[in-house]
Full PDB file with SEQRES, HELIX, SHEET, SSBOND, CRYST1, ORIGX, SCALE, CONECT and MASTER records, all heavy atoms in Angstrom:
SEQRES   1 A   29  ASN ARG THR HIS SER LEU LYS PHE CYS VAL CYS PHE ILE          
SEQRES   2 A   29  LEU GLY GLN ASP TYR ARG LYS LYS LEU ASP HIS GLN VAL          
SEQRES   3 A   29  GLU ILE ASN                                                  
HELIX    1 AA1 THR A    3  ILE A   28  1                                  26    
CRYST1    1.000    1.000    1.000  90.00  90.00  90.00 P 1           1          
ORIGX1      1.000000  0.000000  0.000000        0.00000                         
ORIGX2      0.000000  1.000000  0.000000        0.00000                         
ORIGX3      0.000000  0.000000  1.000000        0.00000                         
SCALE1      1.000000  0.000000  0.000000        0.00000                         
SCALE2      0.000000  1.000000  0.000000        0.00000                         
SCALE3      0.000000  0.000000  1.000000        0.00000                         
ATOM      1  N   ASN A   1     108.968 101.463 258.325  1.00  0.00           N  
ATOM      2  CA  ASN A   1     109.597 100.928 257.211  1.00  0.00           C  
ATOM      3  C   ASN A   1     109.141  99.509 256.823  1.00  0.00           C  
ATOM      4  O   ASN A   1     108.964  99.144 255.686  1.00  0.00           O  
ATOM      5  CB  ASN A   1     111.084 100.885 257.282  1.00  0.00           C  
ATOM      6  CG  ASN A   1     111.626 102.311 257.430  1.00  0.00           C  
ATOM      7  OD1 ASN A   1     111.055 103.294 256.860  1.00  0.00           O  
ATOM      8  ND2 ASN A   1     112.772 102.590 258.031  1.00  0.00           N  
ATOM      9  N   ARG A   2     108.908  98.666 257.830  1.00  0.00           N  
ATOM     10  CA  ARG A   2     108.477  97.275 257.580  1.00  0.00           C  
ATOM     11  C   ARG A   2     107.023  97.196 257.050  1.00  0.00           C  
ATOM     12  O   ARG A   2     106.684  96.083 256.459  1.00  0.00           O  
ATOM     13  CB  ARG A   2     108.721  96.393 258.889  1.00  0.00           C  
ATOM     14  CG  ARG A   2     110.099  96.263 259.272  1.00  0.00           C  
ATOM     15  CD  ARG A   2     110.992  95.561 258.223  1.00  0.00           C  
ATOM     16  NE  ARG A   2     112.272  95.319 258.784  1.00  0.00           N  
ATOM     17  CZ  ARG A   2     113.323  96.130 258.629  1.00  0.00           C  
ATOM     18  NH1 ARG A   2     113.089  97.345 258.145  1.00  0.00           N  
ATOM     19  NH2 ARG A   2     114.527  95.887 259.081  1.00  0.00           N  
ATOM     20  N   THR A   3     106.312  98.187 257.331  1.00  0.00           N  
ATOM     21  CA  THR A   3     104.842  98.085 256.931  1.00  0.00           C  
ATOM     22  C   THR A   3     104.694  98.451 255.518  1.00  0.00           C  
ATOM     23  O   THR A   3     103.525  98.263 255.000  1.00  0.00           O  
ATOM     24  CB  THR A   3     103.983  99.063 257.778  1.00  0.00           C  
ATOM     25  OG1 THR A   3     104.601 100.346 257.735  1.00  0.00           O  
ATOM     26  CG2 THR A   3     103.899  98.579 259.164  1.00  0.00           C  
ATOM     27  N   HIS A   4     105.723  98.842 254.725  1.00  0.00           N  
ATOM     28  CA  HIS A   4     105.603  99.166 253.372  1.00  0.00           C  
ATOM     29  C   HIS A   4     105.179  97.941 252.624  1.00  0.00           C  
ATOM     30  O   HIS A   4     104.332  98.026 251.620  1.00  0.00           O  
ATOM     31  CB  HIS A   4     106.850  99.716 252.781  1.00  0.00           C  
ATOM     32  CG  HIS A   4     107.111 101.064 253.281  1.00  0.00           C  
ATOM     33  ND1 HIS A   4     106.282 102.085 253.199  1.00  0.00           N  
ATOM     34  CD2 HIS A   4     108.181 101.708 253.905  1.00  0.00           C  
ATOM     35  CE1 HIS A   4     106.761 103.275 253.553  1.00  0.00           C  
ATOM     36  NE2 HIS A   4     107.978 103.012 253.976  1.00  0.00           N  
ATOM     37  N   SER A   5     105.707  96.793 252.957  1.00  0.00           N  
ATOM     38  CA  SER A   5     105.365  95.565 252.209  1.00  0.00           C  
ATOM     39  C   SER A   5     103.924  95.227 252.428  1.00  0.00           C  
ATOM     40  O   SER A   5     103.254  94.737 251.509  1.00  0.00           O  
ATOM     41  CB  SER A   5     106.229  94.353 252.669  1.00  0.00           C  
ATOM     42  OG  SER A   5     106.219  94.247 254.051  1.00  0.00           O  
ATOM     43  N   LEU A   6     103.357  95.316 253.615  1.00  0.00           N  
ATOM     44  CA  LEU A   6     102.027  95.163 253.962  1.00  0.00           C  
ATOM     45  C   LEU A   6     101.130  96.157 253.134  1.00  0.00           C  
ATOM     46  O   LEU A   6      99.962  95.663 252.681  1.00  0.00           O  
ATOM     47  CB  LEU A   6     101.686  95.221 255.377  1.00  0.00           C  
ATOM     48  CG  LEU A   6     100.349  94.982 255.890  1.00  0.00           C  
ATOM     49  CD1 LEU A   6      99.855  93.557 255.512  1.00  0.00           C  
ATOM     50  CD2 LEU A   6     100.128  95.209 257.441  1.00  0.00           C  
ATOM     51  N   LYS A   7     101.577  97.365 252.905  1.00  0.00           N  
ATOM     52  CA  LYS A   7     100.865  98.324 252.122  1.00  0.00           C  
ATOM     53  C   LYS A   7     100.605  97.831 250.715  1.00  0.00           C  
ATOM     54  O   LYS A   7      99.588  97.919 250.163  1.00  0.00           O  
ATOM     55  CB  LYS A   7     101.451  99.576 252.206  1.00  0.00           C  
ATOM     56  CG  LYS A   7     101.469 100.289 253.648  1.00  0.00           C  
ATOM     57  CD  LYS A   7     102.272 101.519 253.668  1.00  0.00           C  
ATOM     58  CE  LYS A   7     102.366 102.152 255.056  1.00  0.00           C  
ATOM     59  NZ  LYS A   7     103.168 103.328 255.154  1.00  0.00           N  
ATOM     60  N   PHE A   8     101.733  97.417 250.175  1.00  0.00           N  
ATOM     61  CA  PHE A   8     101.745  96.850 248.767  1.00  0.00           C  
ATOM     62  C   PHE A   8     100.821  95.618 248.666  1.00  0.00           C  
ATOM     63  O   PHE A   8     100.211  95.394 247.569  1.00  0.00           O  
ATOM     64  CB  PHE A   8     103.070  96.574 248.255  1.00  0.00           C  
ATOM     65  CG  PHE A   8     103.816  97.819 247.802  1.00  0.00           C  
ATOM     66  CD1 PHE A   8     104.721  98.611 248.713  1.00  0.00           C  
ATOM     67  CD2 PHE A   8     103.627  98.368 246.500  1.00  0.00           C  
ATOM     68  CE1 PHE A   8     105.305  99.762 248.149  1.00  0.00           C  
ATOM     69  CE2 PHE A   8     104.271  99.453 246.028  1.00  0.00           C  
ATOM     70  CZ  PHE A   8     105.176 100.128 246.885  1.00  0.00           C  
ATOM     71  N   CYS A   9     100.761  94.843 249.707  1.00  0.00           N  
ATOM     72  CA  CYS A   9      99.951  93.662 249.620  1.00  0.00           C  
ATOM     73  C   CYS A   9      98.459  94.050 249.577  1.00  0.00           C  
ATOM     74  O   CYS A   9      97.684  93.467 248.739  1.00  0.00           O  
ATOM     75  CB  CYS A   9     100.207  92.653 250.853  1.00  0.00           C  
ATOM     76  SG  CYS A   9     101.753  91.778 250.837  1.00  0.00           S  
ATOM     77  N   VAL A  10      98.068  95.050 250.360  1.00  0.00           N  
ATOM     78  CA  VAL A  10      96.638  95.456 250.426  1.00  0.00           C  
ATOM     79  C   VAL A  10      96.397  96.122 249.016  1.00  0.00           C  
ATOM     80  O   VAL A  10      95.324  95.900 248.435  1.00  0.00           O  
ATOM     81  CB  VAL A  10      96.491  96.450 251.528  1.00  0.00           C  
ATOM     82  CG1 VAL A  10      95.084  97.063 251.492  1.00  0.00           C  
ATOM     83  CG2 VAL A  10      96.596  95.732 252.878  1.00  0.00           C  
ATOM     84  N   CYS A  11      97.364  96.875 248.462  1.00  0.00           N  
ATOM     85  CA  CYS A  11      97.090  97.619 247.237  1.00  0.00           C  
ATOM     86  C   CYS A  11      97.047  96.578 246.099  1.00  0.00           C  
ATOM     87  O   CYS A  11      96.305  96.780 245.152  1.00  0.00           O  
ATOM     88  CB  CYS A  11      98.269  98.547 246.974  1.00  0.00           C  
ATOM     89  SG  CYS A  11      98.042  99.561 245.515  1.00  0.00           S  
ATOM     90  N   PHE A  12      97.764  95.450 246.168  1.00  0.00           N  
ATOM     91  CA  PHE A  12      97.721  94.458 245.132  1.00  0.00           C  
ATOM     92  C   PHE A  12      96.377  93.860 245.107  1.00  0.00           C  
ATOM     93  O   PHE A  12      95.794  93.554 244.028  1.00  0.00           O  
ATOM     94  CB  PHE A  12      98.768  93.353 245.419  1.00  0.00           C  
ATOM     95  CG  PHE A  12      98.650  92.245 244.494  1.00  0.00           C  
ATOM     96  CD1 PHE A  12      99.232  92.368 243.202  1.00  0.00           C  
ATOM     97  CD2 PHE A  12      98.059  91.016 244.857  1.00  0.00           C  
ATOM     98  CE1 PHE A  12      99.215  91.268 242.288  1.00  0.00           C  
ATOM     99  CE2 PHE A  12      98.081  89.941 243.907  1.00  0.00           C  
ATOM    100  CZ  PHE A  12      98.627  90.074 242.627  1.00  0.00           C  
ATOM    101  N   ILE A  13      95.759  93.514 246.302  1.00  0.00           N  
ATOM    102  CA  ILE A  13      94.463  93.017 246.283  1.00  0.00           C  
ATOM    103  C   ILE A  13      93.344  94.023 245.688  1.00  0.00           C  
ATOM    104  O   ILE A  13      92.587  93.566 244.841  1.00  0.00           O  
ATOM    105  CB  ILE A  13      94.042  92.677 247.724  1.00  0.00           C  
ATOM    106  CG1 ILE A  13      94.894  91.622 248.343  1.00  0.00           C  
ATOM    107  CG2 ILE A  13      92.510  92.210 247.801  1.00  0.00           C  
ATOM    108  CD1 ILE A  13      94.654  91.361 249.781  1.00  0.00           C  
ATOM    109  N   LEU A  14      93.479  95.274 246.050  1.00  0.00           N  
ATOM    110  CA  LEU A  14      92.634  96.316 245.395  1.00  0.00           C  
ATOM    111  C   LEU A  14      92.844  96.460 243.917  1.00  0.00           C  
ATOM    112  O   LEU A  14      91.934  96.589 243.151  1.00  0.00           O  
ATOM    113  CB  LEU A  14      92.873  97.726 246.094  1.00  0.00           C  
ATOM    114  CG  LEU A  14      92.531  97.677 247.568  1.00  0.00           C  
ATOM    115  CD1 LEU A  14      92.941  99.009 248.161  1.00  0.00           C  
ATOM    116  CD2 LEU A  14      91.069  97.493 247.809  1.00  0.00           C  
ATOM    117  N   GLY A  15      94.111  96.220 243.544  1.00  0.00           N  
ATOM    118  CA  GLY A  15      94.463  96.395 242.036  1.00  0.00           C  
ATOM    119  C   GLY A  15      93.794  95.230 241.301  1.00  0.00           C  
ATOM    120  O   GLY A  15      93.404  95.395 240.177  1.00  0.00           O  
ATOM    121  N   GLN A  16      93.777  94.039 241.809  1.00  0.00           N  
ATOM    122  CA  GLN A  16      93.285  92.908 241.154  1.00  0.00           C  
ATOM    123  C   GLN A  16      91.815  93.107 241.024  1.00  0.00           C  
ATOM    124  O   GLN A  16      91.164  92.833 239.998  1.00  0.00           O  
ATOM    125  CB  GLN A  16      93.550  91.609 242.037  1.00  0.00           C  
ATOM    126  CG  GLN A  16      95.074  91.174 241.966  1.00  0.00           C  
ATOM    127  CD  GLN A  16      95.487  90.729 240.643  1.00  0.00           C  
ATOM    128  OE1 GLN A  16      96.059  91.413 239.883  1.00  0.00           O  
ATOM    129  NE2 GLN A  16      95.102  89.448 240.296  1.00  0.00           N  
ATOM    130  N   ASP A  17      91.129  93.550 242.042  1.00  0.00           N  
ATOM    131  CA  ASP A  17      89.716  93.795 241.830  1.00  0.00           C  
ATOM    132  C   ASP A  17      89.400  94.886 240.870  1.00  0.00           C  
ATOM    133  O   ASP A  17      88.418  94.854 239.944  1.00  0.00           O  
ATOM    134  CB  ASP A  17      89.109  94.252 243.252  1.00  0.00           C  
ATOM    135  CG  ASP A  17      87.627  94.487 243.242  1.00  0.00           C  
ATOM    136  OD1 ASP A  17      86.907  93.461 243.041  1.00  0.00           O  
ATOM    137  OD2 ASP A  17      87.147  95.633 243.389  1.00  0.00           O  
ATOM    138  N   TYR A  18      90.222  95.966 240.881  1.00  0.00           N  
ATOM    139  CA  TYR A  18      90.078  96.938 239.745  1.00  0.00           C  
ATOM    140  C   TYR A  18      90.280  96.461 238.363  1.00  0.00           C  
ATOM    141  O   TYR A  18      89.610  96.776 237.499  1.00  0.00           O  
ATOM    142  CB  TYR A  18      90.957  98.162 240.162  1.00  0.00           C  
ATOM    143  CG  TYR A  18      90.967  99.174 238.953  1.00  0.00           C  
ATOM    144  CD1 TYR A  18      89.971 100.227 239.064  1.00  0.00           C  
ATOM    145  CD2 TYR A  18      92.023  99.314 238.092  1.00  0.00           C  
ATOM    146  CE1 TYR A  18      89.921 101.143 238.090  1.00  0.00           C  
ATOM    147  CE2 TYR A  18      91.974 100.204 237.114  1.00  0.00           C  
ATOM    148  CZ  TYR A  18      90.961 101.217 237.116  1.00  0.00           C  
ATOM    149  OH  TYR A  18      90.980 102.207 236.221  1.00  0.00           O  
ATOM    150  N   ARG A  19      91.329  95.614 238.249  1.00  0.00           N  
ATOM    151  CA  ARG A  19      91.593  95.025 237.014  1.00  0.00           C  
ATOM    152  C   ARG A  19      90.464  94.188 236.420  1.00  0.00           C  
ATOM    153  O   ARG A  19      90.188  94.225 235.217  1.00  0.00           O  
ATOM    154  CB  ARG A  19      92.905  94.237 237.131  1.00  0.00           C  
ATOM    155  CG  ARG A  19      93.432  93.773 235.653  1.00  0.00           C  
ATOM    156  CD  ARG A  19      94.012  95.070 234.956  1.00  0.00           C  
ATOM    157  NE  ARG A  19      94.291  94.573 233.553  1.00  0.00           N  
ATOM    158  CZ  ARG A  19      94.713  95.594 232.658  1.00  0.00           C  
ATOM    159  NH1 ARG A  19      94.807  96.780 233.006  1.00  0.00           N  
ATOM    160  NH2 ARG A  19      94.998  95.143 231.507  1.00  0.00           N  
ATOM    161  N   LYS A  20      89.863  93.429 237.342  1.00  0.00           N  
ATOM    162  CA  LYS A  20      88.671  92.584 236.875  1.00  0.00           C  
ATOM    163  C   LYS A  20      87.552  93.371 236.416  1.00  0.00           C  
ATOM    164  O   LYS A  20      86.982  93.192 235.390  1.00  0.00           O  
ATOM    165  CB  LYS A  20      88.260  91.648 238.038  1.00  0.00           C  
ATOM    166  CG  LYS A  20      89.372  90.574 238.382  1.00  0.00           C  
ATOM    167  CD  LYS A  20      88.766  89.765 239.541  1.00  0.00           C  
ATOM    168  CE  LYS A  20      89.774  88.618 239.980  1.00  0.00           C  
ATOM    169  NZ  LYS A  20      89.345  87.774 241.075  1.00  0.00           N  
ATOM    170  N   LYS A  21      87.219  94.477 237.074  1.00  0.00           N  
ATOM    171  CA  LYS A  21      86.168  95.394 236.801  1.00  0.00           C  
ATOM    172  C   LYS A  21      86.499  96.141 235.431  1.00  0.00           C  
ATOM    173  O   LYS A  21      85.636  96.344 234.689  1.00  0.00           O  
ATOM    174  CB  LYS A  21      85.907  96.478 237.918  1.00  0.00           C  
ATOM    175  CG  LYS A  21      85.325  95.766 239.146  1.00  0.00           C  
ATOM    176  CD  LYS A  21      85.044  96.781 240.279  1.00  0.00           C  
ATOM    177  CE  LYS A  21      84.494  96.213 241.480  1.00  0.00           C  
ATOM    178  NZ  LYS A  21      84.197  97.138 242.640  1.00  0.00           N  
ATOM    179  N   LEU A  22      87.805  96.511 235.283  1.00  0.00           N  
ATOM    180  CA  LEU A  22      88.197  97.171 234.133  1.00  0.00           C  
ATOM    181  C   LEU A  22      88.027  96.182 232.848  1.00  0.00           C  
ATOM    182  O   LEU A  22      87.554  96.597 231.824  1.00  0.00           O  
ATOM    183  CB  LEU A  22      89.681  97.586 234.229  1.00  0.00           C  
ATOM    184  CG  LEU A  22      90.237  98.296 232.949  1.00  0.00           C  
ATOM    185  CD1 LEU A  22      89.540  99.710 232.722  1.00  0.00           C  
ATOM    186  CD2 LEU A  22      91.722  98.580 233.326  1.00  0.00           C  
ATOM    187  N   ASP A  23      88.493  94.960 233.011  1.00  0.00           N  
ATOM    188  CA  ASP A  23      88.365  94.002 231.916  1.00  0.00           C  
ATOM    189  C   ASP A  23      86.873  93.790 231.636  1.00  0.00           C  
ATOM    190  O   ASP A  23      86.459  93.667 230.461  1.00  0.00           O  
ATOM    191  CB  ASP A  23      89.052  92.731 232.220  1.00  0.00           C  
ATOM    192  CG  ASP A  23      90.591  92.846 232.332  1.00  0.00           C  
ATOM    193  OD1 ASP A  23      91.089  93.864 231.832  1.00  0.00           O  
ATOM    194  OD2 ASP A  23      91.152  92.062 233.038  1.00  0.00           O  
ATOM    195  N   HIS A  24      86.080  93.678 232.672  1.00  0.00           N  
ATOM    196  CA  HIS A  24      84.612  93.491 232.309  1.00  0.00           C  
ATOM    197  C   HIS A  24      84.000  94.693 231.631  1.00  0.00           C  
ATOM    198  O   HIS A  24      83.177  94.467 230.761  1.00  0.00           O  
ATOM    199  CB  HIS A  24      83.912  93.348 233.730  1.00  0.00           C  
ATOM    200  CG  HIS A  24      82.451  93.037 233.601  1.00  0.00           C  
ATOM    201  ND1 HIS A  24      81.881  91.893 233.020  1.00  0.00           N  
ATOM    202  CD2 HIS A  24      81.376  93.824 234.110  1.00  0.00           C  
ATOM    203  CE1 HIS A  24      80.607  92.044 233.040  1.00  0.00           C  
ATOM    204  NE2 HIS A  24      80.265  93.156 233.702  1.00  0.00           N  
ATOM    205  N   GLN A  25      84.439  95.877 232.061  1.00  0.00           N  
ATOM    206  CA  GLN A  25      83.936  97.041 231.362  1.00  0.00           C  
ATOM    207  C   GLN A  25      84.358  97.163 229.929  1.00  0.00           C  
ATOM    208  O   GLN A  25      83.613  97.530 229.020  1.00  0.00           O  
ATOM    209  CB  GLN A  25      84.226  98.349 232.179  1.00  0.00           C  
ATOM    210  CG  GLN A  25      83.688  99.664 231.574  1.00  0.00           C  
ATOM    211  CD  GLN A  25      82.139  99.579 231.767  1.00  0.00           C  
ATOM    212  OE1 GLN A  25      81.712  99.167 232.759  1.00  0.00           O  
ATOM    213  NE2 GLN A  25      81.441 100.137 230.852  1.00  0.00           N  
ATOM    214  N   VAL A  26      85.586  96.742 229.705  1.00  0.00           N  
ATOM    215  CA  VAL A  26      86.050  96.770 228.314  1.00  0.00           C  
ATOM    216  C   VAL A  26      85.310  95.798 227.466  1.00  0.00           C  
ATOM    217  O   VAL A  26      84.874  96.034 226.313  1.00  0.00           O  
ATOM    218  CB  VAL A  26      87.616  96.396 228.271  1.00  0.00           C  
ATOM    219  CG1 VAL A  26      88.057  96.186 226.874  1.00  0.00           C  
ATOM    220  CG2 VAL A  26      88.395  97.542 228.925  1.00  0.00           C  
ATOM    221  N   GLU A  27      85.099  94.606 227.963  1.00  0.00           N  
ATOM    222  CA  GLU A  27      84.232  93.575 227.212  1.00  0.00           C  
ATOM    223  C   GLU A  27      82.793  94.177 226.837  1.00  0.00           C  
ATOM    224  O   GLU A  27      82.325  93.875 225.836  1.00  0.00           O  
ATOM    225  CB  GLU A  27      84.139  92.235 228.066  1.00  0.00           C  
ATOM    226  CG  GLU A  27      85.424  91.615 228.113  1.00  0.00           C  
ATOM    227  CD  GLU A  27      85.194  90.415 229.062  1.00  0.00           C  
ATOM    228  OE1 GLU A  27      84.216  90.065 229.554  1.00  0.00           O  
ATOM    229  OE2 GLU A  27      86.286  89.601 229.271  1.00  0.00           O  
ATOM    230  N   ILE A  28      82.282  94.865 227.923  1.00  0.00           N  
ATOM    231  CA  ILE A  28      80.874  95.475 227.648  1.00  0.00           C  
ATOM    232  C   ILE A  28      80.914  96.498 226.553  1.00  0.00           C  
ATOM    233  O   ILE A  28      80.148  96.534 225.672  1.00  0.00           O  
ATOM    234  CB  ILE A  28      80.322  96.017 228.856  1.00  0.00           C  
ATOM    235  CG1 ILE A  28      80.106  94.973 229.936  1.00  0.00           C  
ATOM    236  CG2 ILE A  28      79.070  96.781 228.709  1.00  0.00           C  
ATOM    237  CD1 ILE A  28      79.627  95.455 231.315  1.00  0.00           C  
ATOM    238  N   ASN A  29      81.971  97.385 226.579  1.00  0.00           N  
ATOM    239  CA  ASN A  29      82.082  98.407 225.550  1.00  0.00           C  
ATOM    240  C   ASN A  29      82.318  97.799 224.257  1.00  0.00           C  
ATOM    241  O   ASN A  29      81.723  98.303 223.193  1.00  0.00           O  
ATOM    242  CB  ASN A  29      83.257  99.314 225.954  1.00  0.00           C  
ATOM    243  CG  ASN A  29      82.933 100.187 227.307  1.00  0.00           C  
ATOM    244  OD1 ASN A  29      81.818 100.319 227.596  1.00  0.00           O  
ATOM    245  ND2 ASN A  29      84.046 100.633 227.888  1.00  0.00           N  
TER     246      ASN A  29                                                      
MASTER        0    0    0    1    0    0    0    6  245    1    0    3          
END                                                                             
């Protein structure tokens, strides 16, 4: 149960990277 917070931290890092790539692709389009 305590590792759920760590999972969301890892996912937040991945989500930030995905968001940057998404914004970059939108600018290109």
